[in-house]
């Protein structure tokens, strides 16, 4: 029997377990004895944590009671600045903003980018194939989404590394990137200045890219203002980068834990797609998103008040044994797998089809080459509890 008092003392603002990779032990404790957990904040009002799958799904499916408009980060801040973007708005504005880009990121539209995705993966694998050891995150996992996203957005290739740097500096509180007190504001300003120039260029000479689509988009009959555009660019860069790079890295780590599943995949490449869905569940690149309650509500016997922050822990929901059998075990042929790795409902990840295409292509091609990457040293995680994010992972490159 889990210690209820112990669960009530869990502090999910303590980044220590997230950096060490032991946070799933805390979530298991909370799911069992304190599934709607109150967490104090050192410099904030505190928040509720939903850790069971059904409670998370119920909140996602009730966007009237649990809104995005007051922010989706755990902390009471918006990383994109004061402007509300597609990520931090609610219907009907959210619906209108989302429609500006989702038609260009549907599965059928992603096929037009497949040749480019193939080329990016082949180039990255070419660069490491002759090596015995490499650092996976910065030479493989982060390069793929940045190169693909750069072309989809319309960012010159030589500028793509800047996207990764800005994301690291804005979304995390990692000391490696926080070299000065105003680092987040500084990085955000640099990103916005960069996209302002590209937006003006595309207004004059549009291309087949998302910057051009947004630069010429209208909302309620009016062109998007700069604040809306800037916030949109931020969400696309952050989400487009974080999911893929962390899913690839997390998958390499997971298969090291479950080598029999890797051998199963090597023997049958048709399992790649269900394997990726399993890794979205097991790794959960986006750990959590926050909502704000618009009314008093009771969940699992706990009274949530209007205005309270409510954090939906996708990572914990994806390990809920009430829904997933043996949730702490990787099964690449798992039959029932309605994970929330990309969120759910009206706020589900807009770039999920692109991310799936990138990761599917990467693992198809690395297996076709008879290659694999095995961790050869400790992983370094980004200091954040919102993303399951990795900074560095040394790996040994295997060639069969």
Protein backbone atom coordinates (compact mmCIF):
# COMPACT_ATOMS: atom_id res chain seq x y z
CA UNK A 1 0.00 0.00 0.00
CA UNK A 2 1.44 3.36 -1.05
CA UNK A 3 2.09 5.83 1.72
CA UNK A 4 -0.53 8.58 1.34
CA UNK A 5 1.45 11.00 3.46
CA UNK A 6 4.50 10.36 1.32
CA UNK A 7 2.56 11.07 -1.87
CA UNK A 8 1.20 14.33 -0.48
CA UNK A 9 4.75 15.56 0.07
CA UNK A 10 5.80 14.99 -3.56
CA UNK A 11 7.06 18.24 -5.11
CA UNK A 12 6.84 18.19 -8.90
CA UNK A 13 8.60 21.57 -9.06
CA UNK A 14 11.75 19.87 -7.79
CA UNK A 15 13.64 19.21 -11.02
CA UNK A 16 15.99 16.71 -9.37
CA UNK A 17 13.99 13.56 -10.22
CA UNK A 18 13.37 14.80 -13.78
CA UNK A 19 17.08 15.42 -14.33
CA UNK A 20 17.91 12.00 -12.84
CA UNK A 21 15.20 10.21 -14.84
CA UNK A 22 13.39 8.88 -11.76
CA UNK A 23 10.19 10.93 -12.02
CA UNK A 24 8.05 7.95 -13.08
CA UNK A 25 8.42 6.56 -9.56
CA UNK A 26 6.79 9.73 -8.22
CA UNK A 27 3.97 9.54 -10.75
CA UNK A 28 3.26 5.92 -9.80
CA UNK A 29 3.02 7.00 -6.17
CA UNK A 30 0.66 9.85 -7.01
CA UNK A 31 -1.58 7.79 -9.29
CA UNK A 32 -2.09 5.28 -6.52
CA UNK A 33 -2.73 7.46 -3.48
CA UNK A 34 -2.98 11.13 -4.48
CA UNK A 35 -4.15 11.27 -8.11
CA UNK A 36 -5.32 14.89 -7.84
CA UNK A 37 -2.27 16.29 -6.13
CA UNK A 38 -1.84 19.81 -4.78
CA UNK A 39 1.64 21.28 -5.35
CA UNK A 40 2.89 24.50 -3.78
CA UNK A 41 5.07 26.88 -5.78
CA UNK A 42 7.91 28.95 -4.30
CA UNK A 43 6.85 32.03 -6.26
CA UNK A 44 3.35 31.22 -7.43
CA UNK A 45 -0.15 30.23 -6.37
CA UNK A 46 0.41 26.47 -6.61
CA UNK A 47 -1.34 24.00 -8.88
CA UNK A 48 -3.26 20.75 -9.06
CA UNK A 49 -1.76 17.74 -10.85
CA UNK A 50 -3.92 15.16 -12.63
CA UNK A 51 -1.95 11.93 -12.93
CA UNK A 52 -4.48 9.25 -13.94
CA UNK A 53 -5.29 8.68 -17.59
CA UNK A 54 -9.06 9.10 -17.37
CA UNK A 55 -8.86 12.29 -15.32
CA UNK A 56 -6.39 13.77 -17.82
CA UNK A 57 -8.58 12.74 -20.76
CA UNK A 58 -11.73 14.12 -19.12
CA UNK A 59 -10.04 17.49 -18.58
CA UNK A 60 -8.73 17.57 -22.16
CA UNK A 61 -12.22 16.86 -23.44
CA UNK A 62 -13.76 19.69 -21.40
CA UNK A 63 -12.11 22.84 -22.85
CA UNK A 64 -14.87 24.99 -21.37
CA UNK A 65 -14.06 24.11 -17.76
CA UNK A 66 -10.32 23.72 -18.31
CA UNK A 67 -9.01 26.49 -20.55
CA UNK A 68 -5.67 27.22 -22.23
CA UNK A 69 -6.11 30.96 -22.38
CA UNK A 70 -4.33 31.72 -19.09
CA UNK A 71 -1.23 29.79 -20.14
CA UNK A 72 -0.11 26.22 -20.76
CA UNK A 73 3.15 26.27 -18.81
CA UNK A 74 3.14 25.15 -15.21
CA UNK A 75 4.58 28.49 -14.16
CA UNK A 76 2.38 31.54 -14.53
CA UNK A 77 4.13 32.82 -17.62
CA UNK A 78 3.90 32.56 -21.36
CA UNK A 79 7.20 31.76 -23.05
CA UNK A 80 6.09 33.44 -26.27
CA UNK A 81 5.50 36.72 -24.45
CA UNK A 82 2.32 38.61 -23.68
CA UNK A 83 0.55 37.71 -26.90
CA UNK A 84 -1.86 34.77 -26.86
CA UNK A 85 -1.07 32.31 -29.62
CA UNK A 86 -2.80 29.22 -30.96
CA UNK A 87 -1.36 27.35 -27.99
CA UNK A 88 -2.66 29.78 -25.38
CA UNK A 89 -6.11 30.57 -26.69
CA UNK A 90 -9.53 28.96 -26.54
CA UNK A 91 -12.39 28.63 -29.04
CA UNK A 92 -13.49 30.36 -31.10
CA UNK A 93 -10.21 32.27 -31.58
CA UNK A 94 -8.16 29.11 -31.10
CA UNK A 95 -10.13 27.34 -33.82
CA UNK A 96 -9.62 30.19 -36.28
CA UNK A 97 -5.89 30.44 -35.56
CA UNK A 98 -5.36 26.70 -35.81
CA UNK A 99 -7.05 26.55 -39.20
CA UNK A 100 -4.38 28.83 -40.65
CA UNK A 101 -1.72 26.11 -40.46
CA UNK A 102 -3.30 22.68 -39.88
CA UNK A 103 -4.34 22.26 -43.55
CA UNK A 104 -0.63 22.42 -44.45
CA UNK A 105 0.36 19.87 -41.79
CA UNK A 106 -2.20 17.14 -42.48
CA UNK A 107 -0.90 13.65 -43.23
CA UNK A 108 -1.76 13.98 -46.92
CA UNK A 109 0.15 17.27 -47.13
CA UNK A 110 3.20 15.88 -45.33
CA UNK A 111 3.73 13.49 -48.24
CA UNK A 112 4.97 16.40 -50.32
CA UNK A 113 7.80 16.80 -47.82
CA UNK A 114 8.74 13.10 -47.77
CA UNK A 115 11.55 13.38 -50.34
CA UNK A 116 13.07 16.19 -48.30
CA UNK A 117 12.70 14.19 -45.06
CA UNK A 118 14.36 11.18 -46.73
CA UNK A 119 17.28 13.32 -47.87
CA UNK A 120 17.75 14.87 -44.42
CA UNK A 121 17.82 11.44 -42.74
CA UNK A 122 20.22 9.99 -45.32
CA UNK A 123 22.59 12.93 -44.95
CA UNK A 124 22.61 12.67 -41.16
CA UNK A 125 23.20 8.91 -41.23
CA UNK A 126 25.96 9.34 -43.83
CA UNK A 127 27.72 11.71 -41.46
CA UNK A 128 27.86 9.20 -38.60
CA UNK A 129 28.06 5.88 -40.44
CA UNK A 130 31.83 5.77 -40.45
CA UNK A 131 32.15 6.74 -36.79
CA UNK A 132 32.61 4.45 -33.81
CA UNK A 133 31.17 6.91 -31.28
CA UNK A 134 29.13 10.10 -31.60
CA UNK A 135 27.12 12.41 -29.37
CA UNK A 136 23.58 11.52 -30.44
CA UNK A 137 21.51 14.58 -29.52
CA UNK A 138 23.43 17.29 -31.32
CA UNK A 139 24.70 15.23 -34.26
CA UNK A 140 21.53 13.25 -34.99
CA UNK A 141 18.36 13.74 -32.91
CA UNK A 142 18.30 17.54 -32.93
CA UNK A 143 19.58 17.93 -36.49
CA UNK A 144 16.70 16.08 -38.14
CA UNK A 145 13.74 18.14 -36.90
CA UNK A 146 15.66 21.40 -37.24
CA UNK A 147 16.58 20.72 -40.86
CA UNK A 148 13.11 19.49 -41.77
CA UNK A 149 11.31 22.22 -39.84
CA UNK A 150 13.58 24.83 -41.38
CA UNK A 151 12.53 23.82 -44.87
CA UNK A 152 8.85 23.49 -43.98
CA UNK A 153 8.87 26.92 -42.37
CA UNK A 154 11.15 28.49 -44.96
CA UNK A 155 14.24 29.15 -42.83
CA UNK A 156 17.60 29.19 -44.65
CA UNK A 157 19.62 26.08 -43.82
CA UNK A 158 22.56 28.03 -42.43
CA UNK A 159 20.23 29.66 -39.90
CA UNK A 160 18.59 26.43 -38.67
CA UNK A 161 20.98 25.88 -35.72
CA UNK A 162 19.72 29.16 -34.29
CA UNK A 163 16.25 27.63 -33.91
CA UNK A 164 17.59 24.95 -31.57
CA UNK A 165 19.56 27.48 -29.53
CA UNK A 166 16.55 29.77 -29.10
CA UNK A 167 14.35 26.84 -28.06
CA UNK A 168 16.83 25.64 -25.43
CA UNK A 169 17.20 29.11 -23.98
CA UNK A 170 13.50 29.97 -23.86
CA UNK A 171 11.78 26.75 -22.74
CA UNK A 172 14.17 25.52 -20.04
CA UNK A 173 15.69 26.81 -16.83
CA UNK A 174 18.92 24.95 -17.49
CA UNK A 175 21.97 26.73 -16.03
CA UNK A 176 23.90 25.88 -19.20
CA UNK A 177 21.69 28.24 -21.17
CA UNK A 178 20.71 30.75 -18.48
CA UNK A 179 23.89 32.82 -18.62
CA UNK A 180 22.14 36.04 -17.60
CA UNK A 181 18.90 36.96 -15.78
CA UNK A 182 17.13 38.16 -18.93
CA UNK A 183 18.20 35.18 -21.07
CA UNK A 184 14.66 34.05 -21.93
CA UNK A 185 13.56 37.54 -22.99
CA UNK A 186 16.77 38.01 -24.94
CA UNK A 187 16.39 34.72 -26.82
CA UNK A 188 12.73 35.39 -27.51
CA UNK A 189 13.58 38.81 -28.90
CA UNK A 190 16.26 37.35 -31.16
CA UNK A 191 13.84 34.75 -32.50
CA UNK A 192 11.15 37.34 -33.16
CA UNK A 193 13.59 39.72 -34.89
CA UNK A 194 14.75 36.88 -37.12
CA UNK A 195 11.23 35.92 -38.19
CA UNK A 196 10.21 39.54 -38.68
CA UNK A 197 12.80 39.84 -41.46
CA UNK A 198 11.70 36.58 -43.10
CA UNK A 199 8.03 37.61 -42.88
CA UNK A 200 8.68 40.86 -44.72
CA UNK A 201 10.65 38.97 -47.38
CA UNK A 202 7.81 36.48 -47.92
CA UNK A 203 5.23 39.25 -48.18
CA UNK A 204 7.16 40.51 -51.19
CA UNK A 205 8.21 37.12 -52.60
CA UNK A 206 6.02 34.29 -51.27
CA UNK A 207 7.20 30.68 -51.51
CA UNK A 208 5.74 27.27 -50.74
CA UNK A 209 6.46 27.45 -47.03
CA UNK A 210 4.58 28.13 -43.81
CA UNK A 211 6.10 31.58 -43.25
CA UNK A 212 4.58 32.60 -46.59
CA UNK A 213 1.23 31.05 -45.65
CA UNK A 214 1.14 32.97 -42.37
CA UNK A 215 2.50 36.20 -43.85
CA UNK A 216 -0.44 36.25 -46.28
CA UNK A 217 -3.06 34.75 -43.94
CA UNK A 218 -6.10 36.67 -42.73
CA UNK A 219 -8.19 36.36 -39.60
CA UNK A 220 -11.68 37.87 -39.62
CA UNK A 221 -10.83 39.42 -42.95
CA UNK A 222 -7.69 41.18 -41.67
CA UNK A 223 -4.03 40.21 -42.12
CA UNK A 224 -2.43 38.74 -39.00
CA UNK A 225 -0.73 41.37 -36.87
CA UNK A 226 2.90 40.98 -35.92
CA UNK A 227 2.13 39.87 -32.35
CA UNK A 228 0.02 36.99 -33.66
CA UNK A 229 2.65 36.02 -36.21
CA UNK A 230 5.50 36.14 -33.70
CA UNK A 231 3.67 33.95 -31.21
CA UNK A 232 2.74 31.47 -33.94
CA UNK A 233 6.36 31.18 -35.08
CA UNK A 234 7.45 30.51 -31.53
CA UNK A 235 5.00 27.64 -31.07
CA UNK A 236 5.96 26.06 -34.40
CA UNK A 237 9.68 26.23 -33.64
CA UNK A 238 9.39 24.99 -30.06
CA UNK A 239 6.95 22.15 -30.67
CA UNK A 240 8.53 21.13 -33.97
CA UNK A 241 11.93 20.79 -32.36
CA UNK A 242 11.17 19.29 -28.95
CA UNK A 243 8.99 16.35 -29.92
CA UNK A 244 11.18 14.74 -32.59
CA UNK A 245 14.60 15.23 -31.05
CA UNK A 246 13.48 13.91 -27.69
CA UNK A 247 11.50 11.03 -29.13
CA UNK A 248 14.51 9.80 -31.12
CA UNK A 249 16.84 10.07 -28.13
CA UNK A 250 14.31 8.55 -25.75
CA UNK A 251 13.72 5.65 -28.15
CA UNK A 252 17.44 4.82 -28.29
CA UNK A 253 17.52 4.78 -24.49
CA UNK A 254 14.34 2.70 -24.26
CA UNK A 255 15.56 0.00 -26.64
CA UNK A 256 18.72 -0.30 -24.57
CA UNK A 257 16.44 -1.19 -21.65
CA UNK A 258 14.48 -3.68 -23.76
CA UNK A 259 16.93 -5.26 -26.24
CA UNK A 260 14.56 -8.11 -27.09
CA UNK A 261 12.13 -5.56 -28.50
CA UNK A 262 14.91 -4.12 -30.66
CA UNK A 263 15.67 -7.56 -32.04
CA UNK A 264 11.97 -8.03 -32.76
CA UNK A 265 12.01 -4.74 -34.70
CA UNK A 266 15.14 -5.69 -36.61
CA UNK A 267 13.49 -8.92 -37.66
CA UNK A 268 10.24 -7.26 -38.78
CA UNK A 269 10.41 -3.68 -40.04
CA UNK A 270 6.63 -3.61 -40.42
CA UNK A 271 6.56 -3.05 -36.65
CA UNK A 272 8.18 0.38 -36.97
CA UNK A 273 4.91 2.31 -36.92
CA UNK A 274 3.41 0.60 -33.86
CA UNK A 275 6.85 0.81 -32.24
CA UNK A 276 6.82 4.59 -32.65
CA UNK A 277 3.37 4.80 -31.08
CA UNK A 278 4.67 2.74 -28.18
CA UNK A 279 7.63 5.09 -27.79
CA UNK A 280 5.31 8.11 -27.83
CA UNK A 281 3.59 6.46 -24.88
CA UNK A 282 6.68 5.22 -23.06
CA UNK A 283 8.94 8.25 -23.63
CA UNK A 284 6.23 10.98 -23.75
CA UNK A 285 8.37 13.85 -25.12
CA UNK A 286 5.90 16.48 -23.87
CA UNK A 287 5.39 15.63 -20.22
CA UNK A 288 2.62 18.02 -19.29
CA UNK A 289 0.41 20.91 -20.26
CA UNK A 290 -1.44 23.23 -17.93
CA UNK A 291 -5.05 24.37 -17.91
CA UNK A 292 -6.95 26.84 -15.71
CA UNK A 293 -10.30 25.97 -14.12
CA UNK A 294 -13.17 28.29 -15.04
CA UNK A 295 -15.51 26.92 -12.36
CA UNK A 296 -15.42 25.04 -9.09
CA UNK A 297 -15.14 21.32 -9.84
CA UNK A 298 -14.53 18.10 -7.93
CA UNK A 299 -12.20 15.36 -9.20
CA UNK A 300 -11.43 12.21 -7.23
CA UNK A 301 -12.87 13.83 -4.11
CA UNK A 302 -10.63 16.91 -4.35
CA UNK A 303 -12.22 20.36 -4.68
CA UNK A 304 -10.67 22.48 -7.42
CA UNK A 305 -11.63 26.14 -7.30
CA UNK A 306 -12.33 28.52 -10.14
CA UNK A 307 -9.03 30.11 -11.20
CA UNK A 308 -6.84 27.24 -9.97
CA UNK A 309 -4.08 25.98 -12.23
CA UNK A 310 -4.52 22.34 -13.25
CA UNK A 311 -1.59 20.45 -14.79
CA UNK A 312 -2.32 17.48 -17.05
CA UNK A 313 0.58 15.05 -16.73
CA UNK A 314 0.58 13.19 -20.05
CA UNK A 315 3.66 11.26 -18.94
CA UNK A 316 1.87 9.85 -15.92
CA UNK A 317 -1.34 9.14 -17.87
CA UNK A 318 0.69 7.13 -20.38
CA UNK A 319 1.94 4.87 -17.57
CA UNK A 320 -1.45 4.32 -15.91
CA UNK A 321 -1.90 0.57 -15.31
CA UNK A 322 -5.68 1.07 -15.35
CA UNK A 323 -5.36 1.60 -19.09
CA UNK A 324 -2.04 0.08 -20.22
CA UNK A 325 -0.99 -3.44 -19.22
CA UNK A 326 2.61 -3.55 -17.93
CA UNK A 327 2.94 0.20 -18.55
CA UNK A 328 6.61 0.35 -17.54
CA UNK A 329 7.51 -2.22 -20.20
CA UNK A 330 8.09 -1.48 -23.90
CA UNK A 331 5.99 -3.63 -26.21
CA UNK A 332 6.42 -2.55 -29.81
CA UNK A 333 3.41 -4.61 -30.90
CA UNK A 334 1.12 -3.27 -28.17
CA UNK A 335 -2.41 -3.66 -29.55
CA UNK A 336 -4.36 -1.11 -27.50
CA UNK A 337 -2.39 2.10 -27.31
CA UNK A 338 -4.55 5.23 -27.05
CA UNK A 339 -1.70 7.25 -25.60
CA UNK A 340 -1.71 11.00 -25.07
CA UNK A 341 1.84 11.49 -26.32
CA UNK A 342 0.64 14.23 -28.66
CA UNK A 343 -2.07 15.47 -26.34
CA UNK A 344 -5.68 14.97 -27.41
CA UNK A 345 -8.74 16.80 -28.64
CA UNK A 346 -8.84 20.34 -29.93
CA UNK A 347 -5.37 21.17 -28.59
CA UNK A 348 -3.62 18.06 -29.93
CA UNK A 349 -0.19 18.71 -31.45
CA UNK A 350 -0.55 20.33 -34.88
CA UNK A 351 2.76 18.89 -36.04
CA UNK A 352 2.09 15.27 -35.04
CA UNK A 353 1.99 14.03 -38.65
CA UNK A 354 5.29 15.73 -39.45
CA UNK A 355 6.94 14.37 -36.31
CA UNK A 356 5.70 10.85 -37.05
CA UNK A 357 7.01 11.09 -40.62
CA UNK A 358 10.44 12.22 -39.41
CA UNK A 359 10.81 9.54 -36.76
CA UNK A 360 9.39 6.78 -38.96
CA UNK A 361 11.81 7.65 -41.75
CA UNK A 362 14.75 7.81 -39.36
CA UNK A 363 14.19 4.34 -37.91
CA UNK A 364 13.34 2.81 -41.29
CA UNK A 365 16.59 4.00 -42.78
CA UNK A 366 18.86 3.28 -39.82
CA UNK A 367 17.55 -0.30 -39.75
CA UNK A 368 17.87 -0.67 -43.52
CA UNK A 369 21.56 0.21 -43.17
CA UNK A 370 22.08 -2.34 -40.43
CA UNK A 371 23.07 0.45 -38.06
CA UNK A 372 22.12 1.20 -34.49
CA UNK A 373 23.22 3.52 -31.69
CA UNK A 374 23.93 2.12 -28.24
CA UNK A 375 24.41 4.46 -25.26
CA UNK A 376 28.07 4.47 -24.22
CA UNK A 377 27.88 7.00 -21.40
CA UNK A 378 25.41 8.79 -19.13
CA UNK A 379 22.58 10.82 -20.62
CA UNK A 380 22.32 14.52 -19.75
CA UNK A 381 18.78 15.84 -19.47
CA UNK A 382 17.57 19.38 -19.94
CA UNK A 383 16.51 21.04 -16.68
CA UNK A 384 12.76 21.13 -17.25
CA UNK A 385 9.68 19.31 -15.99
CA UNK A 386 7.51 20.21 -18.99
CA UNK A 387 9.46 18.29 -21.65
CA UNK A 388 11.23 14.94 -21.49
CA UNK A 389 14.22 16.65 -23.03
CA UNK A 390 17.82 15.60 -23.58
CA UNK A 391 20.99 17.66 -23.94
CA UNK A 392 23.61 14.99 -24.66
CA UNK A 393 23.91 11.22 -25.04
CA UNK A 394 27.18 9.56 -26.13
CA UNK A 395 26.53 6.48 -28.24
CA UNK A 396 28.49 3.68 -29.87
CA UNK A 397 27.54 3.26 -33.53
CA UNK A 398 26.92 -0.38 -34.37
CA UNK A 399 27.27 -1.69 -37.94
CA UNK A 400 25.94 -5.15 -38.80
